[in-house]
């Protein structure tokens, strides 16, 4: 039996990105041979539509999860609860299926492992984790970004 790999839905080819698109990873077939892929889009799981207005963290994921920051969309609407709900649902899936590793889309306000956008909607990224990545990290899941996928194969 193959090990389960949680994967950002957009990397698995699901049309769930904020713009309604996907970014299927070129090595998806190699991953499928080695792992049972479990695709998830925390933003959809949290109740956000696809397509949706871009969102960015207005503080670190740790601050947001402790109630000291927000996730807002480009129109200024507070989407914090949807992001936390989606991350919570993702953690539930991880626990239910006993998933130990994840491949997440870097830069995403949910899935970013190494970087997220700085909250100014200017395209500038900073070091940090997205909301789901932070919760999975606290859960003890080994997280990889699409740029680190060679470590999984």
Protein backbone atom coordinates (compact mmCIF):
# COMPACT_ATOMS: atom_id res chain seq x y z
CA UNK A 1 0.00 0.00 0.00
CA UNK A 2 1.34 3.44 -1.00
CA UNK A 3 1.78 6.26 1.46
CA UNK A 4 -0.87 9.01 1.32
CA UNK A 5 0.18 12.46 0.18
CA UNK A 6 -2.01 15.48 0.82
CA UNK A 7 -1.66 17.76 -2.20
CA UNK A 8 -2.96 21.24 -2.94
CA UNK A 9 -5.87 20.75 -5.32
CA UNK A 10 -4.46 23.21 -7.86
CA UNK A 11 -1.21 21.21 -8.06
CA UNK A 12 -3.27 18.06 -8.64
CA UNK A 13 -5.02 19.70 -11.60
CA UNK A 14 -8.26 20.82 -9.93
CA UNK A 15 -9.56 24.19 -11.12
CA UNK A 16 -9.68 25.70 -7.65
CA UNK A 17 -7.25 28.64 -7.75
CA UNK A 18 -8.56 32.12 -7.00
CA UNK A 19 -8.73 32.78 -10.76
CA UNK A 20 -10.57 29.51 -11.45
CA UNK A 21 -7.49 27.87 -12.92
CA UNK A 22 -5.12 25.12 -11.87
CA UNK A 23 -1.36 24.56 -11.91
CA UNK A 24 -0.95 20.80 -12.38
CA UNK A 25 2.58 19.90 -11.45
CA UNK A 26 4.66 18.44 -14.32
CA UNK A 27 5.71 15.51 -12.11
CA UNK A 28 2.13 14.64 -11.14
CA UNK A 29 2.33 11.25 -12.90
CA UNK A 30 5.51 10.39 -10.99
CA UNK A 31 3.83 11.34 -7.74
CA UNK A 32 0.81 9.17 -8.55
CA UNK A 33 3.07 6.17 -9.05
CA UNK A 34 4.66 6.60 -5.62
CA UNK A 35 1.78 7.99 -3.47
CA UNK A 36 -1.97 7.86 -3.04
CA UNK A 37 -2.76 11.52 -3.72
CA UNK A 38 -5.38 13.23 -1.54
CA UNK A 39 -6.18 16.59 -3.18
CA UNK A 40 -7.68 19.36 -1.10
CA UNK A 41 -8.39 23.06 -1.56
CA UNK A 42 -8.67 24.62 1.90
CA UNK A 43 -10.14 27.82 0.49
CA UNK A 44 -13.02 25.95 -1.13
CA UNK A 45 -13.38 23.78 1.99
CA UNK A 46 -13.70 26.99 4.00
CA UNK A 47 -16.59 28.20 1.86
CA UNK A 48 -14.90 30.57 -0.57
CA UNK A 49 -16.07 30.51 -4.17
CA UNK A 50 -14.04 29.75 -7.27
CA UNK A 51 -13.14 32.07 -8.86
CA UNK A 52 -12.72 34.46 -5.92
CA UNK A 53 -11.19 37.84 -5.18
CA UNK A 54 -7.49 37.38 -4.26
CA UNK A 55 -6.77 37.18 -0.53
CA UNK A 56 -3.62 37.99 1.42
CA UNK A 57 -2.59 37.59 5.03
CA UNK A 58 -2.52 40.88 6.93
CA UNK A 59 -0.33 39.35 9.69
CA UNK A 60 1.58 36.12 10.19
CA UNK A 61 -0.39 32.87 10.20
CA UNK A 62 0.48 32.40 13.88
CA UNK A 63 -0.91 35.84 14.73
CA UNK A 64 -4.05 35.22 12.68
CA UNK A 65 -4.66 31.84 14.31
CA UNK A 66 -4.31 33.44 17.74
CA UNK A 67 -6.87 36.13 16.86
CA UNK A 68 -4.38 38.97 16.39
CA UNK A 69 -4.60 39.33 12.61
CA UNK A 70 -6.84 38.92 9.60
CA UNK A 71 -7.00 37.53 6.09
CA UNK A 72 -8.56 40.06 3.74
CA UNK A 73 -9.44 40.01 0.10
CA UNK A 74 -8.44 42.71 -2.34
CA UNK A 75 -11.82 44.42 -1.82
CA UNK A 76 -11.02 44.74 1.91
CA UNK A 77 -13.47 42.06 3.09
CA UNK A 78 -12.47 39.95 6.09
CA UNK A 79 -12.18 36.29 5.04
CA UNK A 80 -10.35 35.08 8.15
CA UNK A 81 -13.04 32.66 9.29
CA UNK A 82 -13.22 30.95 5.87
CA UNK A 83 -9.45 30.42 5.90
CA UNK A 84 -9.50 29.01 9.43
CA UNK A 85 -12.48 26.78 8.61
CA UNK A 86 -10.73 25.44 5.50
CA UNK A 87 -7.53 24.76 7.42
CA UNK A 88 -9.51 23.02 10.18
CA UNK A 89 -11.26 20.81 7.61
CA UNK A 90 -7.89 19.97 6.05
CA UNK A 91 -6.47 18.97 9.44
CA UNK A 92 -9.55 16.78 9.96
CA UNK A 93 -8.80 14.97 6.66
CA UNK A 94 -5.15 14.53 7.70
CA UNK A 95 -6.19 12.99 11.01
CA UNK A 96 -8.93 10.84 9.50
CA UNK A 97 -6.67 9.38 6.82
CA UNK A 98 -3.49 9.42 8.95
CA UNK A 99 -1.60 11.52 6.41
CA UNK A 100 1.98 12.38 7.36
CA UNK A 101 3.21 14.40 4.36
CA UNK A 102 1.86 17.22 2.22
CA UNK A 103 2.78 18.95 -1.03
CA UNK A 104 1.44 22.50 -0.92
CA UNK A 105 1.35 25.47 -3.31
CA UNK A 106 3.86 28.03 -2.13
CA UNK A 107 2.71 31.64 -2.09
CA UNK A 108 -0.89 30.75 -1.29
CA UNK A 109 -2.46 32.41 1.76
CA UNK A 110 -3.64 28.92 2.73
CA UNK A 111 -0.96 26.57 1.45
CA UNK A 112 2.20 28.68 1.35
CA UNK A 113 5.02 26.74 3.00
CA UNK A 114 8.01 29.06 2.59
CA UNK A 115 6.46 32.29 1.39
CA UNK A 116 3.21 34.25 1.27
CA UNK A 117 2.31 37.62 -0.22
CA UNK A 118 2.95 40.60 2.05
CA UNK A 119 -0.68 41.77 2.40
CA UNK A 120 -0.34 44.82 0.15
CA UNK A 121 -1.65 43.12 -3.04
CA UNK A 122 1.42 44.47 -4.83
CA UNK A 123 2.82 41.05 -5.81
CA UNK A 124 5.60 41.19 -3.20
CA UNK A 125 6.16 37.96 -1.29
CA UNK A 126 7.72 37.50 2.13
CA UNK A 127 8.93 34.54 4.16
CA UNK A 128 6.06 32.89 5.99
CA UNK A 129 3.42 30.16 6.02
CA UNK A 130 -0.20 30.19 4.95
CA UNK A 131 -2.98 29.39 7.41
CA UNK A 132 -3.38 25.71 6.43
CA UNK A 133 0.38 25.16 6.19
CA UNK A 134 0.78 26.57 9.71
CA UNK A 135 -1.92 24.31 11.13
CA UNK A 136 -0.48 21.26 9.35
CA UNK A 137 2.99 22.14 10.64
CA UNK A 138 1.62 22.26 14.20
CA UNK A 139 -0.03 18.89 13.51
CA UNK A 140 3.40 17.43 12.72
CA UNK A 141 2.85 16.94 8.98
CA UNK A 142 6.02 17.08 6.84
CA UNK A 143 5.30 19.81 4.31
CA UNK A 144 6.95 20.35 0.93
CA UNK A 145 6.38 23.11 -1.61
CA UNK A 146 6.20 22.41 -5.33
CA UNK A 147 9.82 23.64 -5.55
CA UNK A 148 10.91 20.91 -3.11
CA UNK A 149 9.10 18.06 -4.81
CA UNK A 150 12.33 16.33 -5.82
CA UNK A 151 12.67 15.41 -2.14
CA UNK A 152 9.45 13.38 -2.43
CA UNK A 153 10.46 11.35 -5.49
